[in-house]
PDB file of N, CA and C in Angstrom:
ATOM      1  N   MET A   1     -47.157 -44.119  40.381  1.00  0.00           N
ATOM      2  CA  MET A   1     -47.395 -44.682  41.693  1.00  0.00           C
ATOM      3  C   MET A   1     -47.193 -46.192  41.699  1.00  0.00           C
ATOM      4  N   SER A   2     -46.783 -46.753  40.593  1.00  0.00           N
ATOM      5  CA  SER A   2     -46.553 -48.193  40.552  1.00  0.00           C
ATOM      6  C   SER A   2     -45.424 -48.610  41.488  1.00  0.00           C
ATOM      7  N   ASP A   3     -44.501 -47.697  41.770  1.00  0.00           N
ATOM      8  CA  ASP A   3     -43.414 -48.018  42.689  1.00  0.00           C
ATOM      9  C   ASP A   3     -43.898 -48.135  44.142  1.00  0.00           C
ATOM     10  N   LEU A   4     -45.121 -47.702  44.425  1.00  0.00           N
ATOM     11  CA  LEU A   4     -45.659 -47.757  45.789  1.00  0.00           C
ATOM     12  C   LEU A   4     -46.403 -49.053  46.076  1.00  0.00           C
ATOM     13  N   LYS A   5     -46.636 -49.879  45.052  1.00  0.00           N
ATOM     14  CA  LYS A   5     -47.408 -51.107  45.249  1.00  0.00           C
ATOM     15  C   LYS A   5     -46.736 -52.066  46.217  1.00  0.00           C
ATOM     16  N   LYS A   6     -45.430 -52.109  46.234  1.00  0.00           N
ATOM     17  CA  LYS A   6     -44.711 -53.032  47.106  1.00  0.00           C
ATOM     18  C   LYS A   6     -44.056 -52.304  48.284  1.00  0.00           C
ATOM     19  N   PHE A   7     -44.508 -51.105  48.570  1.00  0.00           N
ATOM     20  CA  PHE A   7     -43.924 -50.308  49.650  1.00  0.00           C
ATOM     21  C   PHE A   7     -44.268 -50.923  51.006  1.00  0.00           C
ATOM     22  N   ASP A   8     -43.317 -50.974  51.911  1.00  0.00           N
ATOM     23  CA  ASP A   8     -43.488 -51.568  53.235  1.00  0.00           C
ATOM     24  C   ASP A   8     -43.917 -50.498  54.243  1.00  0.00           C
ATOM     25  N   TYR A   9     -45.235 -50.291  54.380  1.00  0.00           N
ATOM     26  CA  TYR A   9     -45.759 -49.266  55.284  1.00  0.00           C
ATOM     27  C   TYR A   9     -45.592 -49.646  56.753  1.00  0.00           C
ATOM     28  N   LYS A  10     -45.505 -50.916  57.044  1.00  0.00           N
ATOM     29  CA  LYS A  10     -45.401 -51.359  58.443  1.00  0.00           C
ATOM     30  C   LYS A  10     -44.042 -51.047  59.047  1.00  0.00           C
ATOM     31  N   ASN A  11     -43.017 -50.948  58.221  1.00  0.00           N
ATOM     32  CA  ASN A  11     -41.664 -50.760  58.745  1.00  0.00           C
ATOM     33  C   ASN A  11     -41.009 -49.462  58.277  1.00  0.00           C
ATOM     34  N   THR A  12     -41.806 -48.503  57.837  1.00  0.00           N
ATOM     35  CA  THR A  12     -41.263 -47.238  57.358  1.00  0.00           C
ATOM     36  C   THR A  12     -41.912 -46.085  58.108  1.00  0.00           C
ATOM     37  N   ASP A  13     -41.111 -45.148  58.563  1.00  0.00           N
ATOM     38  CA  ASP A  13     -41.611 -43.982  59.286  1.00  0.00           C
ATOM     39  C   ASP A  13     -41.950 -42.884  58.278  1.00  0.00           C
ATOM     40  N   LEU A  14     -43.239 -42.677  58.036  1.00  0.00           N
ATOM     41  CA  LEU A  14     -43.672 -41.672  57.070  1.00  0.00           C
ATOM     42  C   LEU A  14     -43.412 -40.256  57.572  1.00  0.00           C
ATOM     43  N   ASN A  15     -43.196 -40.087  58.862  1.00  0.00           N
ATOM     44  CA  ASN A  15     -42.906 -38.766  59.417  1.00  0.00           C
ATOM     45  C   ASN A  15     -41.569 -38.216  58.937  1.00  0.00           C
ATOM     46  N   LYS A  16     -40.713 -39.076  58.451  1.00  0.00           N
ATOM     47  CA  LYS A  16     -39.388 -38.649  58.011  1.00  0.00           C
ATOM     48  C   LYS A  16     -39.334 -38.344  56.519  1.00  0.00           C
ATOM     49  N   MET A  17     -40.465 -38.388  55.845  1.00  0.00           N
ATOM     50  CA  MET A  17     -40.501 -38.137  54.404  1.00  0.00           C
ATOM     51  C   MET A  17     -40.747 -36.670  54.107  1.00  0.00           C
ATOM     52  N   SER A  18     -40.418 -36.292  52.891  1.00  0.00           N
ATOM     53  CA  SER A  18     -40.701 -34.929  52.451  1.00  0.00           C
ATOM     54  C   SER A  18     -42.207 -34.781  52.246  1.00  0.00           C
ATOM     55  N   ASP A  19     -42.680 -33.543  52.156  1.00  0.00           N
ATOM     56  CA  ASP A  19     -44.107 -33.298  51.930  1.00  0.00           C
ATOM     57  C   ASP A  19     -44.579 -33.927  50.633  1.00  0.00           C
ATOM     58  N   PHE A  20     -43.755 -33.850  49.590  1.00  0.00           N
ATOM     59  CA  PHE A  20     -44.112 -34.423  48.294  1.00  0.00           C
ATOM     60  C   PHE A  20     -44.252 -35.945  48.402  1.00  0.00           C
ATOM     61  N   GLN A  21     -43.282 -36.598  49.035  1.00  0.00           N
ATOM     62  CA  GLN A  21     -43.344 -38.049  49.192  1.00  0.00           C
ATOM     63  C   GLN A  21     -44.550 -38.466  50.035  1.00  0.00           C
ATOM     64  N   LEU A  22     -44.784 -37.740  51.102  1.00  0.00           N
ATOM     65  CA  LEU A  22     -45.905 -38.045  51.979  1.00  0.00           C
ATOM     66  C   LEU A  22     -47.230 -37.914  51.237  1.00  0.00           C
ATOM     67  N   GLN A  23     -47.374 -36.884  50.430  1.00  0.00           N
ATOM     68  CA  GLN A  23     -48.603 -36.689  49.660  1.00  0.00           C
ATOM     69  C   GLN A  23     -48.834 -37.839  48.692  1.00  0.00           C
ATOM     70  N   ARG A  24     -47.773 -38.327  48.068  1.00  0.00           N
ATOM     71  CA  ARG A  24     -47.892 -39.479  47.158  1.00  0.00           C
ATOM     72  C   ARG A  24     -48.388 -40.709  47.910  1.00  0.00           C
ATOM     73  N   HIS A  25     -47.854 -40.922  49.101  1.00  0.00           N
ATOM     74  CA  HIS A  25     -48.263 -42.085  49.886  1.00  0.00           C
ATOM     75  C   HIS A  25     -49.698 -41.937  50.387  1.00  0.00           C
ATOM     76  N   LYS A  26     -50.085 -40.748  50.767  1.00  0.00           N
ATOM     77  CA  LYS A  26     -51.462 -40.520  51.201  1.00  0.00           C
ATOM     78  C   LYS A  26     -52.441 -40.786  50.056  1.00  0.00           C
ATOM     79  N   GLN A  27     -52.098 -40.349  48.857  1.00  0.00           N
ATOM     80  CA  GLN A  27     -52.945 -40.604  47.696  1.00  0.00           C
ATOM     81  C   GLN A  27     -53.053 -42.099  47.426  1.00  0.00           C
ATOM     82  N   ASN A  28     -51.941 -42.799  47.575  1.00  0.00           N
ATOM     83  CA  ASN A  28     -51.937 -44.245  47.365  1.00  0.00           C
ATOM     84  C   ASN A  28     -52.803 -44.948  48.414  1.00  0.00           C
ATOM     85  N   MET A  29     -52.686 -44.532  49.671  1.00  0.00           N
ATOM     86  CA  MET A  29     -53.486 -45.137  50.731  1.00  0.00           C
ATOM     87  C   MET A  29     -54.969 -44.832  50.533  1.00  0.00           C
ATOM     88  N   GLU A  30     -55.290 -43.622  50.105  1.00  0.00           N
ATOM     89  CA  GLU A  30     -56.685 -43.246  49.861  1.00  0.00           C
ATOM     90  C   GLU A  30     -57.276 -44.090  48.737  1.00  0.00           C
ATOM     91  N   LYS A  31     -56.478 -44.350  47.720  1.00  0.00           N
ATOM     92  CA  LYS A  31     -56.913 -45.179  46.595  1.00  0.00           C
ATOM     93  C   LYS A  31     -57.251 -46.587  47.077  1.00  0.00           C
ATOM     94  N   GLU A  32     -56.386 -47.170  47.917  1.00  0.00           N
ATOM     95  CA  GLU A  32     -56.625 -48.507  48.454  1.00  0.00           C
ATOM     96  C   GLU A  32     -57.826 -48.508  49.399  1.00  0.00           C
ATOM     97  N   PHE A  33     -57.952 -47.470  50.219  1.00  0.00           N
ATOM     98  CA  PHE A  33     -59.074 -47.361  51.142  1.00  0.00           C
ATOM     99  C   PHE A  33     -60.399 -47.297  50.383  1.00  0.00           C
ATOM    100  N   SER A  34     -60.432 -46.519  49.312  1.00  0.00           N
ATOM    101  CA  SER A  34     -61.653 -46.336  48.533  1.00  0.00           C
ATOM    102  C   SER A  34     -62.129 -47.638  47.898  1.00  0.00           C
ATOM    103  N   LYS A  35     -61.204 -48.546  47.611  1.00  0.00           N
ATOM    104  CA  LYS A  35     -61.590 -49.831  47.037  1.00  0.00           C
ATOM    105  C   LYS A  35     -62.436 -50.641  48.013  1.00  0.00           C
ATOM    106  N   ASN A  36     -62.233 -50.443  49.317  1.00  0.00           N
ATOM    107  CA  ASN A  36     -62.895 -51.251  50.337  1.00  0.00           C
ATOM    108  C   ASN A  36     -64.104 -50.586  50.981  1.00  0.00           C
ATOM    109  N   VAL A  37     -64.390 -49.359  50.631  1.00  0.00           N
ATOM    110  CA  VAL A  37     -65.503 -48.635  51.245  1.00  0.00           C
ATOM    111  C   VAL A  37     -66.829 -49.183  50.736  1.00  0.00           C
ATOM    112  N   LEU A  38     -67.731 -49.465  51.671  1.00  0.00           N
ATOM    113  CA  LEU A  38     -69.090 -49.865  51.307  1.00  0.00           C
ATOM    114  C   LEU A  38     -69.996 -48.652  51.434  1.00  0.00           C
ATOM    115  N   LYS A  39     -70.684 -48.337  50.350  1.00  0.00           N
ATOM    116  CA  LYS A  39     -71.586 -47.181  50.328  1.00  0.00           C
ATOM    117  C   LYS A  39     -73.026 -47.666  50.280  1.00  0.00           C
ATOM    118  N   PRO A  40     -73.983 -46.800  50.653  1.00  0.00           N
ATOM    119  CA  PRO A  40     -75.389 -47.206  50.550  1.00  0.00           C
ATOM    120  C   PRO A  40     -75.679 -47.715  49.136  1.00  0.00           C
ATOM    121  N   GLY A  41     -76.337 -48.857  49.073  1.00  0.00           N
ATOM    122  CA  GLY A  41     -76.637 -49.488  47.793  1.00  0.00           C
ATOM    123  C   GLY A  41     -75.667 -50.605  47.445  1.00  0.00           C
ATOM    124  N   ASP A  42     -74.490 -50.598  48.067  1.00  0.00           N
ATOM    125  CA  ASP A  42     -73.521 -51.665  47.833  1.00  0.00           C
ATOM    126  C   ASP A  42     -73.936 -52.918  48.598  1.00  0.00           C
ATOM    127  N   LYS A  43     -73.639 -54.087  48.019  1.00  0.00           N
ATOM    128  CA  LYS A  43     -73.914 -55.344  48.695  1.00  0.00           C
ATOM    129  C   LYS A  43     -73.067 -55.416  49.974  1.00  0.00           C
ATOM    130  N   GLY A  44     -73.690 -55.737  51.086  1.00  0.00           N
ATOM    131  CA  GLY A  44     -72.992 -55.847  52.361  1.00  0.00           C
ATOM    132  C   GLY A  44     -72.983 -54.565  53.171  1.00  0.00           C
ATOM    133  N   PHE A  45     -73.515 -53.461  52.614  1.00  0.00           N
ATOM    134  CA  PHE A  45     -73.553 -52.206  53.356  1.00  0.00           C
ATOM    135  C   PHE A  45     -74.515 -52.337  54.533  1.00  0.00           C
ATOM    136  N   GLU A  46     -74.086 -51.874  55.686  1.00  0.00           N
ATOM    137  CA  GLU A  46     -74.922 -51.884  56.882  1.00  0.00           C
ATOM    138  C   GLU A  46     -74.790 -50.532  57.570  1.00  0.00           C
ATOM    139  N   TYR A  47     -75.890 -49.804  57.687  1.00  0.00           N
ATOM    140  CA  TYR A  47     -75.876 -48.497  58.324  1.00  0.00           C
ATOM    141  C   TYR A  47     -75.680 -48.663  59.825  1.00  0.00           C
ATOM    142  N   ASP A  48     -74.793 -47.869  60.405  1.00  0.00           N
ATOM    143  CA  ASP A  48     -74.554 -47.840  61.847  1.00  0.00           C
ATOM    144  C   ASP A  48     -74.202 -49.223  62.393  1.00  0.00           C
ATOM    145  N   LYS A  49     -73.252 -49.880  61.773  1.00  0.00           N
ATOM    146  CA  LYS A  49     -72.827 -51.210  62.192  1.00  0.00           C
ATOM    147  C   LYS A  49     -72.154 -51.128  63.564  1.00  0.00           C
ATOM    148  N   ARG A  50     -72.561 -52.003  64.451  1.00  0.00           N
ATOM    149  CA  ARG A  50     -71.992 -52.055  65.796  1.00  0.00           C
ATOM    150  C   ARG A  50     -71.334 -53.418  65.993  1.00  0.00           C
ATOM    151  N   VAL A  51     -70.183 -53.433  66.632  1.00  0.00           N
ATOM    152  CA  VAL A  51     -69.457 -54.669  66.888  1.00  0.00           C
ATOM    153  C   VAL A  51     -69.191 -54.765  68.384  1.00  0.00           C
ATOM    154  N   ASP A  52     -69.491 -55.915  68.966  1.00  0.00           N
ATOM    155  CA  ASP A  52     -69.229 -56.162  70.381  1.00  0.00           C
ATOM    156  C   ASP A  52     -67.880 -56.853  70.489  1.00  0.00           C
ATOM    157  N   TYR A  53     -66.890 -56.158  71.015  1.00  0.00           N
ATOM    158  CA  TYR A  53     -65.547 -56.703  71.130  1.00  0.00           C
ATOM    159  C   TYR A  53     -65.303 -57.395  72.462  1.00  0.00           C
ATOM    160  N   SER A  54     -66.274 -57.407  73.346  1.00  0.00           N
ATOM    161  CA  SER A  54     -66.060 -58.007  74.660  1.00  0.00           C
ATOM    162  C   SER A  54     -65.759 -59.500  74.546  1.00  0.00           C
ATOM    163  N   SER A  55     -66.345 -60.192  73.606  1.00  0.00           N
ATOM    164  CA  SER A  55     -66.084 -61.619  73.454  1.00  0.00           C
ATOM    165  C   SER A  55     -64.689 -61.884  72.905  1.00  0.00           C
ATOM    166  N   HIS A  56     -64.069 -60.885  72.253  1.00  0.00           N
ATOM    167  CA  HIS A  56     -62.735 -61.045  71.696  1.00  0.00           C
ATOM    168  C   HIS A  56     -61.658 -60.959  72.777  1.00  0.00           C
ATOM    169  N   ASN A  57     -61.989 -60.429  73.944  1.00  0.00           N
ATOM    170  CA  ASN A  57     -60.991 -60.195  74.992  1.00  0.00           C
ATOM    171  C   ASN A  57     -61.133 -61.160  76.159  1.00  0.00           C
ATOM    172  N   GLN A  58     -61.678 -62.328  75.950  1.00  0.00           N
ATOM    173  CA  GLN A  58     -61.875 -63.269  77.044  1.00  0.00           C
ATOM    174  C   GLN A  58     -60.558 -63.783  77.598  1.00  0.00           C
ATOM    175  N   ASP A  59     -59.505 -63.814  76.796  1.00  0.00           N
ATOM    176  CA  ASP A  59     -58.208 -64.304  77.254  1.00  0.00           C
ATOM    177  C   ASP A  59     -57.464 -63.268  78.087  1.00  0.00           C
ATOM    178  N   VAL A  60     -57.891 -62.017  78.040  1.00  0.00           N
ATOM    179  CA  VAL A  60     -57.213 -60.941  78.753  1.00  0.00           C
ATOM    180  C   VAL A  60     -57.796 -60.813  80.150  1.00  0.00           C
ATOM    181  N   ASP A  61     -56.942 -60.620  81.140  1.00  0.00           N
ATOM    182  CA  ASP A  61     -57.366 -60.452  82.527  1.00  0.00           C
ATOM    183  C   ASP A  61     -58.350 -59.290  82.626  1.00  0.00           C
ATOM    184  N   SER A  62     -59.421 -59.451  83.363  1.00  0.00           N
ATOM    185  CA  SER A  62     -60.461 -58.421  83.457  1.00  0.00           C
ATOM    186  C   SER A  62     -59.925 -57.114  84.030  1.00  0.00           C
ATOM    187  N   ASP A  63     -58.886 -57.167  84.880  1.00  0.00           N
ATOM    188  CA  ASP A  63     -58.300 -55.936  85.414  1.00  0.00           C
ATOM    189  C   ASP A  63     -57.649 -55.109  84.303  1.00  0.00           C
ATOM    190  N   GLU A  64     -57.126 -55.760  83.285  1.00  0.00           N
ATOM    191  CA  GLU A  64     -56.503 -55.042  82.182  1.00  0.00           C
ATOM    192  C   GLU A  64     -57.539 -54.326  81.332  1.00  0.00           C
ATOM    193  N   ASN A  65     -58.781 -54.801  81.317  1.00  0.00           N
ATOM    194  CA  ASN A  65     -59.834 -54.198  80.512  1.00  0.00           C
ATOM    195  C   ASN A  65     -60.628 -53.147  81.265  1.00  0.00           C
ATOM    196  N   SER A  66     -60.417 -53.002  82.540  1.00  0.00           N
ATOM    197  CA  SER A  66     -61.276 -52.124  83.329  1.00  0.00           C
ATOM    198  C   SER A  66     -60.685 -50.737  83.546  1.00  0.00           C
ATOM    199  N   TRP A  67     -59.720 -50.340  82.749  1.00  0.00           N
ATOM    200  CA  TRP A  67     -59.059 -49.057  82.947  1.00  0.00           C
ATOM    201  C   TRP A  67     -60.007 -47.879  82.813  1.00  0.00           C
ATOM    202  N   ASP A  68     -61.089 -48.022  82.059  1.00  0.00           N
ATOM    203  CA  ASP A  68     -61.983 -46.889  81.836  1.00  0.00           C
ATOM    204  C   ASP A  68     -63.276 -46.981  82.642  1.00  0.00           C
ATOM    205  N   GLU A  69     -63.356 -47.890  83.576  1.00  0.00           N
ATOM    206  CA  GLU A  69     -64.588 -48.064  84.332  1.00  0.00           C
ATOM    207  C   GLU A  69     -64.628 -47.260  85.623  1.00  0.00           C
ATOM    208  N   GLY A  70     -63.608 -46.485  85.926  1.00  0.00           N
ATOM    209  CA  GLY A  70     -63.603 -45.650  87.121  1.00  0.00           C
ATOM    210  C   GLY A  70     -63.437 -46.439  88.392  1.00  0.00           C
ATOM    211  N   LYS A  71     -62.833 -47.581  88.299  1.00  0.00           N
ATOM    212  CA  LYS A  71     -62.658 -48.466  89.442  1.00  0.00           C
ATOM    213  C   LYS A  71     -61.758 -47.856  90.519  1.00  0.00           C
ATOM    214  N   ASP A  72     -60.748 -47.125  90.122  1.00  0.00           N
ATOM    215  CA  ASP A  72     -59.783 -46.550  91.058  1.00  0.00           C
ATOM    216  C   ASP A  72     -59.951 -45.033  91.143  1.00  0.00           C
ATOM    217  N   ASP A  73     -61.140 -44.586  91.500  1.00  0.00           N
ATOM    218  CA  ASP A  73     -61.403 -43.155  91.569  1.00  0.00           C
ATOM    219  C   ASP A  73     -61.065 -42.583  92.938  1.00  0.00           C
ATOM    220  N   ASP A  74     -59.829 -42.797  93.407  1.00  0.00           N
ATOM    221  CA  ASP A  74     -59.410 -42.250  94.697  1.00  0.00           C
ATOM    222  C   ASP A  74     -59.166 -40.755  94.600  1.00  0.00           C
ATOM    223  N   TYR A  75     -58.852 -40.269  93.419  1.00  0.00           N
ATOM    224  CA  TYR A  75     -58.569 -38.852  93.221  1.00  0.00           C
ATOM    225  C   TYR A  75     -59.821 -38.156  92.723  1.00  0.00           C
ATOM    226  N   PHE A  76     -60.183 -37.066  93.361  1.00  0.00           N
ATOM    227  CA  PHE A  76     -61.342 -36.300  92.937  1.00  0.00           C
ATOM    228  C   PHE A  76     -60.989 -34.824  92.988  1.00  0.00           C
ATOM    229  N   ASP A  77     -61.270 -34.114  91.953  1.00  0.00           N
ATOM    230  CA  ASP A  77     -60.956 -32.687  91.874  1.00  0.00           C
ATOM    231  C   ASP A  77     -62.268 -31.912  91.828  1.00  0.00           C
ATOM    232  N   ASP A  78     -62.523 -31.083  92.849  1.00  0.00           N
ATOM    233  CA  ASP A  78     -63.768 -30.323  92.933  1.00  0.00           C
ATOM    234  C   ASP A  78     -63.979 -29.395  91.755  1.00  0.00           C
ATOM    235  N   ASP A  79     -62.887 -28.945  91.103  1.00  0.00           N
ATOM    236  CA  ASP A  79     -63.016 -28.037  89.964  1.00  0.00           C
ATOM    237  C   ASP A  79     -63.685 -28.695  88.766  1.00  0.00           C
ATOM    238  N   PHE A  80     -63.646 -30.009  88.715  1.00  0.00           N
ATOM    239  CA  PHE A  80     -64.201 -30.725  87.565  1.00  0.00           C
ATOM    240  C   PHE A  80     -65.486 -31.471  87.911  1.00  0.00           C
ATOM    241  N   ALA A  81     -66.107 -31.110  88.995  1.00  0.00           N
ATOM    242  CA  ALA A  81     -67.338 -31.801  89.419  1.00  0.00           C
ATOM    243  C   ALA A  81     -68.528 -31.333  88.623  1.00  0.00           C
TER     244      ALA A  81
END
């Protein structure tokens, strides 16, 4: 798997790989992911960590962030009431 250390995941379509190649890449990604996992007892572990992202989006127009607030509920379907 040493050949995967410099692999460019950002610019490669893994959907076009064979099952064998894909499995190798998944194992490599799992290995890297496991290095960063914080488990109970590890320094910095926080159970049920919550992050407020609203302060990160101050530069974005509020209309762009309100897509899930039901602001434009002109359509109503009685079957789903």
